[in-house]
Structures are given as C-alpha cells and as structure tokens.
Amino acid sequence: MSSAEMRAQVLEAHERQRKRYGQLHIGWNSELSGSLLRRFARLDADTASMLHQTIEALGLSMRAYDRILKLARTIADLDGLEEIRSAHVAEAIQYRNLDRPQVEMFV
C-alpha cells in the first residue's frame, strides 16, 4: 500500500468515527469508555470469548481489555467495517503484546 493509499484509508476511518460519534462530543475511538465503549465496540459471542480467554491467559487487567477493544474498533474502522471481527481483536492483542515489557530469562 502506498503512502497516499494509507493516508486515504486513515482519513476514511476518521470520517467514519466523526459520523459515529457526532452527537456525543467525542471524536475518536480512544475517547470511548464505559457504556459507550460497550455500545460502539460490541463483539459477537465467539470473539468476546476469545478476548476473555486471552485476557485471563496473559493476566491482563480490565484496563488492558478496554485498550484492546478500542484498538480493535480502530482496526475495524481502517478496514471500513462497522462490526469488529475476531481478526481485528487478534491484531489488537498482538499490538498489546508488543507493547508489554519483555522479561528476559537468564540461565
């Protein structure tokens, strides 16, 4: 994807968010919290189960859960989709894991 194509994709995602949140006095997915996050970042049962299992397996907090959900919402927006799919959540989890400090093992 060229830089121009990426820019167009990001601008489309911004416009999608602007329309979605127009009456709510927020502009970005990152501003979602609580009931608004649950309303605009709904997951189907299988995807929600996968996310809950991952959160438990990795020992992540509810704050991390919300961050993953917001990021998945943004990834879906970049894909031009209103529904968040399991692939969006999986990608968000991968980014979250990259963001965590890595523990080195000494033998």
PDB file of N, CA and C in Angstrom:
ATOM      1  N   MET A   1       0.850  -1.167   0.000  1.00  0.00           N
ATOM      2  CA  MET A   1       0.000   0.000   0.000  1.00  0.00           C
ATOM      3  C   MET A   1       0.905   1.243   0.000  1.00  0.00           C
ATOM      4  N   SER A   2       0.592   2.190  -0.867  1.00  0.00           N
ATOM      5  CA  SER A   2       1.385   3.416  -0.946  1.00  0.00           C
ATOM      6  C   SER A   2       1.026   4.355   0.212  1.00  0.00           C
ATOM      7  N   SER A   3       1.857   5.345   0.425  1.00  0.00           N
ATOM      8  CA  SER A   3       1.586   6.339   1.471  1.00  0.00           C
ATOM      9  C   SER A   3       0.274   7.065   1.201  1.00  0.00           C
ATOM     10  N   ALA A   4       0.001   7.363  -0.047  1.00  0.00           N
ATOM     11  CA  ALA A   4      -1.246   8.051  -0.401  1.00  0.00           C
ATOM     12  C   ALA A   4      -2.465   7.172  -0.100  1.00  0.00           C
ATOM     13  N   GLU A   5      -2.348   5.890  -0.385  1.00  0.00           N
ATOM     14  CA  GLU A   5      -3.444   4.958  -0.092  1.00  0.00           C
ATOM     15  C   GLU A   5      -3.663   4.824   1.413  1.00  0.00           C
ATOM     16  N   MET A   6      -2.551   4.753   2.156  1.00  0.00           N
ATOM     17  CA  MET A   6      -2.663   4.674   3.620  1.00  0.00           C
ATOM     18  C   MET A   6      -3.323   5.923   4.177  1.00  0.00           C
ATOM     19  N   ARG A   7      -2.903   7.073   3.672  1.00  0.00           N
ATOM     20  CA  ARG A   7      -3.479   8.339   4.131  1.00  0.00           C
ATOM     21  C   ARG A   7      -4.978   8.367   3.865  1.00  0.00           C
ATOM     22  N   ALA A   8      -5.387   7.943   2.682  1.00  0.00           N
ATOM     23  CA  ALA A   8      -6.810   7.910   2.336  1.00  0.00           C
ATOM     24  C   ALA A   8      -7.570   6.968   3.264  1.00  0.00           C
ATOM     25  N   GLN A   9      -6.993   5.827   3.587  1.00  0.00           N
ATOM     26  CA  GLN A   9      -7.630   4.859   4.482  1.00  0.00           C
ATOM     27  C   GLN A   9      -7.805   5.460   5.880  1.00  0.00           C
ATOM     28  N   VAL A  10      -6.790   6.144   6.368  1.00  0.00           N
ATOM     29  CA  VAL A  10      -6.866   6.776   7.688  1.00  0.00           C
ATOM     30  C   VAL A  10      -7.906   7.888   7.687  1.00  0.00           C
ATOM     31  N   LEU A  11      -7.934   8.701   6.650  1.00  0.00           N
ATOM     32  CA  LEU A  11      -8.922   9.779   6.573  1.00  0.00           C
ATOM     33  C   LEU A  11     -10.345   9.229   6.529  1.00  0.00           C
ATOM     34  N   GLU A  12     -10.543   8.124   5.829  1.00  0.00           N
ATOM     35  CA  GLU A  12     -11.863   7.483   5.797  1.00  0.00           C
ATOM     36  C   GLU A  12     -12.252   6.962   7.182  1.00  0.00           C
ATOM     37  N   ALA A  13     -11.287   6.387   7.899  1.00  0.00           N
ATOM     38  CA  ALA A  13     -11.555   5.899   9.260  1.00  0.00           C
ATOM     39  C   ALA A  13     -11.900   7.062  10.184  1.00  0.00           C
ATOM     40  N   HIS A  14     -11.194   8.186  10.048  1.00  0.00           N
ATOM     41  CA  HIS A  14     -11.506   9.373  10.856  1.00  0.00           C
ATOM     42  C   HIS A  14     -12.915   9.877  10.563  1.00  0.00           C
ATOM     43  N   GLU A  15     -13.284   9.893   9.305  1.00  0.00           N
ATOM     44  CA  GLU A  15     -14.626  10.340   8.926  1.00  0.00           C
ATOM     45  C   GLU A  15     -15.688   9.391   9.482  1.00  0.00           C
ATOM     46  N   ARG A  16     -15.427   8.117   9.442  1.00  0.00           N
ATOM     47  CA  ARG A  16     -16.354   7.116   9.984  1.00  0.00           C
ATOM     48  C   ARG A  16     -16.574   7.366  11.480  1.00  0.00           C
ATOM     49  N   GLN A  17     -15.486   7.633  12.189  1.00  0.00           N
ATOM     50  CA  GLN A  17     -15.585   7.913  13.619  1.00  0.00           C
ATOM     51  C   GLN A  17     -16.319   9.232  13.875  1.00  0.00           C
ATOM     52  N   ARG A  18     -16.032  10.233  13.087  1.00  0.00           N
ATOM     53  CA  ARG A  18     -16.686  11.529  13.259  1.00  0.00           C
ATOM     54  C   ARG A  18     -18.200  11.395  13.120  1.00  0.00           C
ATOM     55  N   LYS A  19     -18.631  10.638  12.113  1.00  0.00           N
ATOM     56  CA  LYS A  19     -20.068  10.412  11.919  1.00  0.00           C
ATOM     57  C   LYS A  19     -20.667   9.597  13.055  1.00  0.00           C
ATOM     58  N   ARG A  20     -19.970   8.558  13.468  1.00  0.00           N
ATOM     59  CA  ARG A  20     -20.477   7.675  14.518  1.00  0.00           C
ATOM     60  C   ARG A  20     -20.680   8.429  15.831  1.00  0.00           C
ATOM     61  N   TYR A  21     -19.763   9.319  16.170  1.00  0.00           N
ATOM     62  CA  TYR A  21     -19.790   9.980  17.471  1.00  0.00           C
ATOM     63  C   TYR A  21     -20.253  11.434  17.394  1.00  0.00           C
ATOM     64  N   GLY A  22     -20.813  11.825  16.266  1.00  0.00           N
ATOM     65  CA  GLY A  22     -21.177  13.217  16.026  1.00  0.00           C
ATOM     66  C   GLY A  22     -21.946  13.906  17.132  1.00  0.00           C
ATOM     67  N   GLN A  23     -22.918  13.255  17.727  1.00  0.00           N
ATOM     68  CA  GLN A  23     -23.761  13.871  18.756  1.00  0.00           C
ATOM     69  C   GLN A  23     -23.244  13.630  20.175  1.00  0.00           C
ATOM     70  N   LEU A  24     -22.134  12.973  20.314  1.00  0.00           N
ATOM     71  CA  LEU A  24     -21.673  12.545  21.638  1.00  0.00           C
ATOM     72  C   LEU A  24     -20.523  13.381  22.204  1.00  0.00           C
ATOM     73  N   HIS A  25     -20.067  14.354  21.474  1.00  0.00           N
ATOM     74  CA  HIS A  25     -18.978  15.229  21.928  1.00  0.00           C
ATOM     75  C   HIS A  25     -17.654  14.479  22.122  1.00  0.00           C
ATOM     76  N   ILE A  26     -17.476  13.425  21.366  1.00  0.00           N
ATOM     77  CA  ILE A  26     -16.181  12.761  21.293  1.00  0.00           C
ATOM     78  C   ILE A  26     -15.852  12.601  19.815  1.00  0.00           C
ATOM     79  N   GLY A  27     -14.577  12.455  19.516  1.00  0.00           N
ATOM     80  CA  GLY A  27     -14.198  12.374  18.118  1.00  0.00           C
ATOM     81  C   GLY A  27     -13.456  11.118  17.723  1.00  0.00           C
ATOM     82  N   TRP A  28     -12.950  10.392  18.716  1.00  0.00           N
ATOM     83  CA  TRP A  28     -12.063   9.277  18.425  1.00  0.00           C
ATOM     84  C   TRP A  28     -12.434   8.058  19.246  1.00  0.00           C
ATOM     85  N   ASN A  29     -12.081   6.900  18.741  1.00  0.00           N
ATOM     86  CA  ASN A  29     -12.294   5.656  19.483  1.00  0.00           C
ATOM     87  C   ASN A  29     -11.549   5.672  20.815  1.00  0.00           C
ATOM     88  N   SER A  30     -10.411   6.322  20.849  1.00  0.00           N
ATOM     89  CA  SER A  30      -9.618   6.363  22.077  1.00  0.00           C
ATOM     90  C   SER A  30     -10.346   7.051  23.222  1.00  0.00           C
ATOM     91  N   GLU A  31     -11.365   7.828  22.920  1.00  0.00           N
ATOM     92  CA  GLU A  31     -12.127   8.546  23.948  1.00  0.00           C
ATOM     93  C   GLU A  31     -13.284   7.721  24.518  1.00  0.00           C
ATOM     94  N   LEU A  32     -13.525   6.560  23.968  1.00  0.00           N
ATOM     95  CA  LEU A  32     -14.610   5.712  24.454  1.00  0.00           C
ATOM     96  C   LEU A  32     -14.287   5.148  25.825  1.00  0.00           C
ATOM     97  N   SER A  33     -15.308   5.067  26.656  1.00  0.00           N
ATOM     98  CA  SER A  33     -15.153   4.415  27.960  1.00  0.00           C
ATOM     99  C   SER A  33     -16.519   3.926  28.425  1.00  0.00           C
ATOM    100  N   GLY A  34     -16.497   3.014  29.364  1.00  0.00           N
ATOM    101  CA  GLY A  34     -17.716   2.534  29.992  1.00  0.00           C
ATOM    102  C   GLY A  34     -18.778   2.077  29.017  1.00  0.00           C
ATOM    103  N   SER A  35     -19.990   2.594  29.199  1.00  0.00           N
ATOM    104  CA  SER A  35     -21.123   2.146  28.385  1.00  0.00           C
ATOM    105  C   SER A  35     -20.957   2.519  26.908  1.00  0.00           C
ATOM    106  N   LEU A  36     -20.275   3.627  26.630  1.00  0.00           N
ATOM    107  CA  LEU A  36     -20.050   3.992  25.225  1.00  0.00           C
ATOM    108  C   LEU A  36     -19.121   2.997  24.545  1.00  0.00           C
ATOM    109  N   LEU A  37     -18.122   2.540  25.261  1.00  0.00           N
ATOM    110  CA  LEU A  37     -17.223   1.532  24.697  1.00  0.00           C
ATOM    111  C   LEU A  37     -17.987   0.247  24.407  1.00  0.00           C
ATOM    112  N   ARG A  38     -18.813  -0.180  25.339  1.00  0.00           N
ATOM    113  CA  ARG A  38     -19.603  -1.403  25.137  1.00  0.00           C
ATOM    114  C   ARG A  38     -20.620  -1.232  24.004  1.00  0.00           C
ATOM    115  N   ARG A  39     -21.129  -0.030  23.841  1.00  0.00           N
ATOM    116  CA  ARG A  39     -22.116   0.235  22.790  1.00  0.00           C
ATOM    117  C   ARG A  39     -21.501   0.232  21.392  1.00  0.00           C
ATOM    118  N   PHE A  40     -20.337   0.862  21.256  1.00  0.00           N
ATOM    119  CA  PHE A  40     -19.748   1.036  19.927  1.00  0.00           C
ATOM    120  C   PHE A  40     -18.664   0.016  19.586  1.00  0.00           C
ATOM    121  N   ALA A  41     -18.295  -0.809  20.530  1.00  0.00           N
ATOM    122  CA  ALA A  41     -17.274  -1.832  20.273  1.00  0.00           C
ATOM    123  C   ALA A  41     -17.814  -3.195  20.682  1.00  0.00           C
ATOM    124  N   ARG A  42     -19.017  -3.487  20.223  1.00  0.00           N
ATOM    125  CA  ARG A  42     -19.657  -4.779  20.526  1.00  0.00           C
ATOM    126  C   ARG A  42     -18.942  -5.910  19.815  1.00  0.00           C
ATOM    127  N   LEU A  43     -18.881  -7.036  20.519  1.00  0.00           N
ATOM    128  CA  LEU A  43     -18.270  -8.236  19.947  1.00  0.00           C
ATOM    129  C   LEU A  43     -19.306  -9.343  19.887  1.00  0.00           C
ATOM    130  N   ASP A  44     -19.191 -10.198  18.871  1.00  0.00           N
ATOM    131  CA  ASP A  44     -20.063 -11.377  18.862  1.00  0.00           C
ATOM    132  C   ASP A  44     -19.577 -12.326  19.952  1.00  0.00           C
ATOM    133  N   ALA A  45     -20.370 -13.326  20.268  1.00  0.00           N
ATOM    134  CA  ALA A  45     -20.085 -14.214  21.408  1.00  0.00           C
ATOM    135  C   ALA A  45     -18.734 -14.917  21.276  1.00  0.00           C
ATOM    136  N   ASP A  46     -18.416 -15.415  20.092  1.00  0.00           N
ATOM    137  CA  ASP A  46     -17.151 -16.138  19.904  1.00  0.00           C
ATOM    138  C   ASP A  46     -15.943 -15.216  20.079  1.00  0.00           C
ATOM    139  N   THR A  47     -16.042 -14.021  19.525  1.00  0.00           N
ATOM    140  CA  THR A  47     -14.939 -13.063  19.631  1.00  0.00           C
ATOM    141  C   THR A  47     -14.774 -12.603  21.069  1.00  0.00           C
ATOM    142  N   ALA A  48     -15.874 -12.340  21.762  1.00  0.00           N
ATOM    143  CA  ALA A  48     -15.814 -11.937  23.168  1.00  0.00           C
ATOM    144  C   ALA A  48     -15.184 -13.036  24.014  1.00  0.00           C
ATOM    145  N   SER A  49     -15.540 -14.282  23.743  1.00  0.00           N
ATOM    146  CA  SER A  49     -14.975 -15.411  24.474  1.00  0.00           C
ATOM    147  C   SER A  49     -13.475 -15.506  24.239  1.00  0.00           C
ATOM    148  N   MET A  50     -13.048 -15.340  22.986  1.00  0.00           N
ATOM    149  CA  MET A  50     -11.629 -15.384  22.657  1.00  0.00           C
ATOM    150  C   MET A  50     -10.875 -14.282  23.400  1.00  0.00           C
ATOM    151  N   LEU A  51     -11.442 -13.088  23.442  1.00  0.00           N
ATOM    152  CA  LEU A  51     -10.784 -11.983  24.129  1.00  0.00           C
ATOM    153  C   LEU A  51     -10.700 -12.244  25.631  1.00  0.00           C
ATOM    154  N   HIS A  52     -11.782 -12.714  26.233  1.00  0.00           N
ATOM    155  CA  HIS A  52     -11.773 -13.014  27.672  1.00  0.00           C
ATOM    156  C   HIS A  52     -10.740 -14.090  28.006  1.00  0.00           C
ATOM    157  N   GLN A  53     -10.658 -15.129  27.194  1.00  0.00           N
ATOM    158  CA  GLN A  53      -9.682 -16.191  27.427  1.00  0.00           C
ATOM    159  C   GLN A  53      -8.256 -15.655  27.323  1.00  0.00           C
ATOM    160  N   THR A  54      -8.032 -14.789  26.362  1.00  0.00           N
ATOM    161  CA  THR A  54      -6.701 -14.209  26.181  1.00  0.00           C
ATOM    162  C   THR A  54      -6.329 -13.321  27.358  1.00  0.00           C
ATOM    163  N   ILE A  55      -7.278 -12.506  27.803  1.00  0.00           N
ATOM    164  CA  ILE A  55      -7.037 -11.617  28.946  1.00  0.00           C
ATOM    165  C   ILE A  55      -6.643 -12.450  30.171  1.00  0.00           C
ATOM    166  N   GLU A  56      -7.364 -13.540  30.403  1.00  0.00           N
ATOM    167  CA  GLU A  56      -7.066 -14.406  31.544  1.00  0.00           C
ATOM    168  C   GLU A  56      -5.712 -15.096  31.375  1.00  0.00           C
ATOM    169  N   ALA A  57      -5.461 -15.620  30.192  1.00  0.00           N
ATOM    170  CA  ALA A  57      -4.220 -16.359  29.946  1.00  0.00           C
ATOM    171  C   ALA A  57      -2.985 -15.463  30.092  1.00  0.00           C
ATOM    172  N   LEU A  58      -3.102 -14.210  29.664  1.00  0.00           N
ATOM    173  CA  LEU A  58      -1.973 -13.286  29.730  1.00  0.00           C
ATOM    174  C   LEU A  58      -1.932 -12.508  31.044  1.00  0.00           C
ATOM    175  N   GLY A  59      -2.963 -12.666  31.861  1.00  0.00           N
ATOM    176  CA  GLY A  59      -3.009 -11.949  33.129  1.00  0.00           C
ATOM    177  C   GLY A  59      -3.146 -10.448  32.961  1.00  0.00           C
ATOM    178  N   LEU A  60      -3.919 -10.039  31.960  1.00  0.00           N
ATOM    179  CA  LEU A  60      -4.099  -8.615  31.693  1.00  0.00           C
ATOM    180  C   LEU A  60      -5.242  -8.047  32.528  1.00  0.00           C
ATOM    181  N   SER A  61      -5.216  -6.756  32.727  1.00  0.00           N
ATOM    182  CA  SER A  61      -6.225  -6.064  33.524  1.00  0.00           C
ATOM    183  C   SER A  61      -7.424  -5.675  32.662  1.00  0.00           C
ATOM    184  N   MET A  62      -8.472  -5.202  33.320  1.00  0.00           N
ATOM    185  CA  MET A  62      -9.638  -4.689  32.592  1.00  0.00           C
ATOM    186  C   MET A  62      -9.266  -3.433  31.811  1.00  0.00           C
ATOM    187  N   ARG A  63      -8.305  -2.692  32.305  1.00  0.00           N
ATOM    188  CA  ARG A  63      -7.815  -1.523  31.563  1.00  0.00           C
ATOM    189  C   ARG A  63      -7.211  -1.974  30.231  1.00  0.00           C
ATOM    190  N   ALA A  64      -6.440  -3.053  30.269  1.00  0.00           N
ATOM    191  CA  ALA A  64      -5.867  -3.611  29.039  1.00  0.00           C
ATOM    192  C   ALA A  64      -6.969  -4.114  28.122  1.00  0.00           C
ATOM    193  N   TYR A  65      -8.000  -4.736  28.705  1.00  0.00           N
ATOM    194  CA  TYR A  65      -9.154  -5.204  27.927  1.00  0.00           C
ATOM    195  C   TYR A  65      -9.766  -4.041  27.159  1.00  0.00           C
ATOM    196  N   ASP A  66      -9.996  -2.925  27.849  1.00  0.00           N
ATOM    197  CA  ASP A  66     -10.590  -1.754  27.195  1.00  0.00           C
ATOM    198  C   ASP A  66      -9.683  -1.209  26.102  1.00  0.00           C
ATOM    199  N   ARG A  67      -8.396  -1.178  26.353  1.00  0.00           N
ATOM    200  CA  ARG A  67      -7.455  -0.681  25.331  1.00  0.00           C
ATOM    201  C   ARG A  67      -7.472  -1.565  24.092  1.00  0.00           C
ATOM    202  N   ILE A  68      -7.513  -2.869  24.301  1.00  0.00           N
ATOM    203  CA  ILE A  68      -7.579  -3.803  23.176  1.00  0.00           C
ATOM    204  C   ILE A  68      -8.868  -3.594  22.395  1.00  0.00           C
ATOM    205  N   LEU A  69      -9.961  -3.402  23.097  1.00  0.00           N
ATOM    206  CA  LEU A  69     -11.252  -3.187  22.452  1.00  0.00           C
ATOM    207  C   LEU A  69     -11.259  -1.897  21.622  1.00  0.00           C
ATOM    208  N   LYS A  70     -10.701  -0.831  22.165  1.00  0.00           N
ATOM    209  CA  LYS A  70     -10.614   0.437  21.427  1.00  0.00           C
ATOM    210  C   LYS A  70      -9.754   0.283  20.179  1.00  0.00           C
ATOM    211  N   LEU A  71      -8.646  -0.414  20.319  1.00  0.00           N
ATOM    212  CA  LEU A  71      -7.755  -0.624  19.176  1.00  0.00           C
ATOM    213  C   LEU A  71      -8.428  -1.498  18.126  1.00  0.00           C
ATOM    214  N   ALA A  72      -9.141  -2.530  18.555  1.00  0.00           N
ATOM    215  CA  ALA A  72      -9.872  -3.381  17.607  1.00  0.00           C
ATOM    216  C   ALA A  72     -10.929  -2.571  16.868  1.00  0.00           C
ATOM    217  N   ARG A  73     -11.594  -1.640  17.569  1.00  0.00           N
ATOM    218  CA  ARG A  73     -12.585  -0.758  16.941  1.00  0.00           C
ATOM    219  C   ARG A  73     -11.911   0.067  15.839  1.00  0.00           C
ATOM    220  N   THR A  74     -10.714   0.564  16.121  1.00  0.00           N
ATOM    221  CA  THR A  74      -9.977   1.366  15.144  1.00  0.00           C
ATOM    222  C   THR A  74      -9.533   0.522  13.956  1.00  0.00           C
ATOM    223  N   ILE A  75      -9.083  -0.688  14.217  1.00  0.00           N
ATOM    224  CA  ILE A  75      -8.665  -1.572  13.127  1.00  0.00           C
ATOM    225  C   ILE A  75      -9.852  -1.891  12.224  1.00  0.00           C
ATOM    226  N   ALA A  76     -11.012  -2.131  12.818  1.00  0.00           N
ATOM    227  CA  ALA A  76     -12.221  -2.368  12.017  1.00  0.00           C
ATOM    228  C   ALA A  76     -12.558  -1.127  11.185  1.00  0.00           C
ATOM    229  N   ASP A  77     -12.408   0.057  11.773  1.00  0.00           N
ATOM    230  CA  ASP A  77     -12.651   1.291  11.020  1.00  0.00           C
ATOM    231  C   ASP A  77     -11.703   1.414   9.835  1.00  0.00           C
ATOM    232  N   LEU A  78     -10.449   1.060  10.044  1.00  0.00           N
ATOM    233  CA  LEU A  78      -9.479   1.103   8.941  1.00  0.00           C
ATOM    234  C   LEU A  78      -9.846   0.112   7.843  1.00  0.00           C
ATOM    235  N   ASP A  79     -10.496  -0.990   8.227  1.00  0.00           N
ATOM    236  CA  ASP A  79     -10.965  -1.971   7.246  1.00  0.00           C
ATOM    237  C   ASP A  79     -12.288  -1.557   6.608  1.00  0.00           C
ATOM    238  N   GLY A  80     -12.872  -0.456   7.090  1.00  0.00           N
ATOM    239  CA  GLY A  80     -14.132   0.020   6.531  1.00  0.00           C
ATOM    240  C   GLY A  80     -15.347  -0.740   7.035  1.00  0.00           C
ATOM    241  N   LEU A  81     -15.233  -1.355   8.215  1.00  0.00           N
ATOM    242  CA  LEU A  81     -16.304  -2.186   8.746  1.00  0.00           C
ATOM    243  C   LEU A  81     -16.860  -1.622  10.045  1.00  0.00           C
ATOM    244  N   GLU A  82     -18.165  -1.734  10.218  1.00  0.00           N
ATOM    245  CA  GLU A  82     -18.786  -1.323  11.473  1.00  0.00           C
ATOM    246  C   GLU A  82     -18.656  -2.414  12.528  1.00  0.00           C
ATOM    247  N   GLU A  83     -18.696  -3.688  12.118  1.00  0.00           N
ATOM    248  CA  GLU A  83     -18.588  -4.759  13.094  1.00  0.00           C
ATOM    249  C   GLU A  83     -17.116  -5.098  13.331  1.00  0.00           C
ATOM    250  N   ILE A  84     -16.818  -5.383  14.581  1.00  0.00           N
ATOM    251  CA  ILE A  84     -15.474  -5.798  14.948  1.00  0.00           C
ATOM    252  C   ILE A  84     -15.414  -7.313  14.819  1.00  0.00           C
ATOM    253  N   ARG A  85     -14.464  -7.786  14.054  1.00  0.00           N
ATOM    254  CA  ARG A  85     -14.315  -9.228  13.826  1.00  0.00           C
ATOM    255  C   ARG A  85     -13.188  -9.781  14.697  1.00  0.00           C
ATOM    256  N   SER A  86     -13.147 -11.087  14.792  1.00  0.00           N
ATOM    257  CA  SER A  86     -12.121 -11.735  15.619  1.00  0.00           C
ATOM    258  C   SER A  86     -10.713 -11.384  15.126  1.00  0.00           C
ATOM    259  N   ALA A  87     -10.545 -11.227  13.818  1.00  0.00           N
ATOM    260  CA  ALA A  87      -9.229 -10.861  13.279  1.00  0.00           C
ATOM    261  C   ALA A  87      -8.793  -9.487  13.781  1.00  0.00           C
ATOM    262  N   HIS A  88      -9.743  -8.566  13.956  1.00  0.00           N
ATOM    263  CA  HIS A  88      -9.418  -7.234  14.473  1.00  0.00           C
ATOM    264  C   HIS A  88      -8.958  -7.322  15.926  1.00  0.00           C
ATOM    265  N   VAL A  89      -9.649  -8.136  16.710  1.00  0.00           N
ATOM    266  CA  VAL A  89      -9.278  -8.319  18.115  1.00  0.00           C
ATOM    267  C   VAL A  89      -7.921  -9.014  18.204  1.00  0.00           C
ATOM    268  N   ALA A  90      -7.700 -10.030  17.395  1.00  0.00           N
ATOM    269  CA  ALA A  90      -6.417 -10.749  17.408  1.00  0.00           C
ATOM    270  C   ALA A  90      -5.267  -9.802  17.061  1.00  0.00           C
ATOM    271  N   GLU A  91      -5.474  -8.944  16.080  1.00  0.00           N
ATOM    272  CA  GLU A  91      -4.439  -7.980  15.708  1.00  0.00           C
ATOM    273  C   GLU A  91      -4.175  -7.006  16.852  1.00  0.00           C
ATOM    274  N   ALA A  92      -5.228  -6.528  17.498  1.00  0.00           N
ATOM    275  CA  ALA A  92      -5.080  -5.609  18.631  1.00  0.00           C
ATOM    276  C   ALA A  92      -4.320  -6.280  19.775  1.00  0.00           C
ATOM    277  N   ILE A  93      -4.599  -7.550  20.019  1.00  0.00           N
ATOM    278  CA  ILE A  93      -3.891  -8.297  21.069  1.00  0.00           C
ATOM    279  C   ILE A  93      -2.406  -8.397  20.735  1.00  0.00           C
ATOM    280  N   GLN A  94      -2.094  -8.640  19.476  1.00  0.00           N
ATOM    281  CA  GLN A  94      -0.690  -8.727  19.070  1.00  0.00           C
ATOM    282  C   GLN A  94       0.024  -7.408  19.331  1.00  0.00           C
ATOM    283  N   TYR A  95      -0.625  -6.291  19.001  1.00  0.00           N
ATOM    284  CA  TYR A  95      -0.011  -4.984  19.259  1.00  0.00           C
ATOM    285  C   TYR A  95       0.162  -4.771  20.757  1.00  0.00           C
ATOM    286  N   ARG A  96      -0.802  -5.206  21.544  1.00  0.00           N
ATOM    287  CA  ARG A  96      -0.714  -5.085  23.002  1.00  0.00           C
ATOM    288  C   ARG A  96       0.473  -5.884  23.526  1.00  0.00           C
ATOM    289  N   ASN A  97       0.679  -7.077  22.993  1.00  0.00           N
ATOM    290  CA  ASN A  97       1.807  -7.895  23.432  1.00  0.00           C
ATOM    291  C   ASN A  97       3.140  -7.263  23.051  1.00  0.00           C
ATOM    292  N   LEU A  98       3.191  -6.586  21.910  1.00  0.00           N
ATOM    293  CA  LEU A  98       4.418  -5.902  21.512  1.00  0.00           C
ATOM    294  C   LEU A  98       4.721  -4.736  22.430  1.00  0.00           C
ATOM    295  N   ASP A  99       3.668  -4.166  23.021  1.00  0.00           N
ATOM    296  CA  ASP A  99       3.788  -3.001  23.884  1.00  0.00           C
ATOM    297  C   ASP A  99       4.235  -3.367  25.306  1.00  0.00           C
ATOM    298  N   ARG A 100       4.091  -4.639  25.671  1.00  0.00           N
ATOM    299  CA  ARG A 100       4.438  -5.081  27.029  1.00  0.00           C
ATOM    300  C   ARG A 100       5.946  -5.260  27.149  1.00  0.00           C
ATOM    301  N   PRO A 101       6.487  -4.923  28.308  1.00  0.00           N
ATOM    302  CA  PRO A 101       7.926  -5.161  28.501  1.00  0.00           C
ATOM    303  C   PRO A 101       8.224  -6.661  28.464  1.00  0.00           C
ATOM    304  N   GLN A 102       9.288  -6.998  27.811  1.00  0.00           N
ATOM    305  CA  GLN A 102       9.663  -8.396  27.691  1.00  0.00           C
ATOM    306  C   GLN A 102      10.571  -8.770  28.868  1.00  0.00           C
ATOM    307  N   VAL A 103      10.300  -9.887  29.458  1.00  0.00           N
ATOM    308  CA  VAL A 103      11.111 -10.378  30.573  1.00  0.00           C
ATOM    309  C   VAL A 103      12.165 -11.308  30.000  1.00  0.00           C
ATOM    310  N   GLU A 104      13.402 -11.018  30.321  1.00  0.00           N
ATOM    311  CA  GLU A 104      14.482 -11.865  29.844  1.00  0.00           C
ATOM    312  C   GLU A 104      14.742 -12.981  30.839  1.00  0.00           C
ATOM    313  N   MET A 105      15.003 -14.132  30.307  1.00  0.00           N
ATOM    314  CA  MET A 105      15.305 -15.292  31.140  1.00  0.00           C
ATOM    315  C   MET A 105      16.821 -15.480  31.148  1.00  0.00           C
ATOM    316  N   PHE A 106      17.376 -15.604  32.324  1.00  0.00           N
ATOM    317  CA  PHE A 106      18.813 -15.872  32.457  1.00  0.00           C
ATOM    318  C   PHE A 106      18.993 -17.306  32.899  1.00  0.00           C
ATOM    319  N   VAL A 107      19.815 -18.030  32.199  1.00  0.00           N
ATOM    320  CA  VAL A 107      20.038 -19.437  32.524  1.00  0.00           C
ATOM    321  C   VAL A 107      21.397 -19.612  33.138  1.00  0.00           C
TER     322      VAL A 107
END
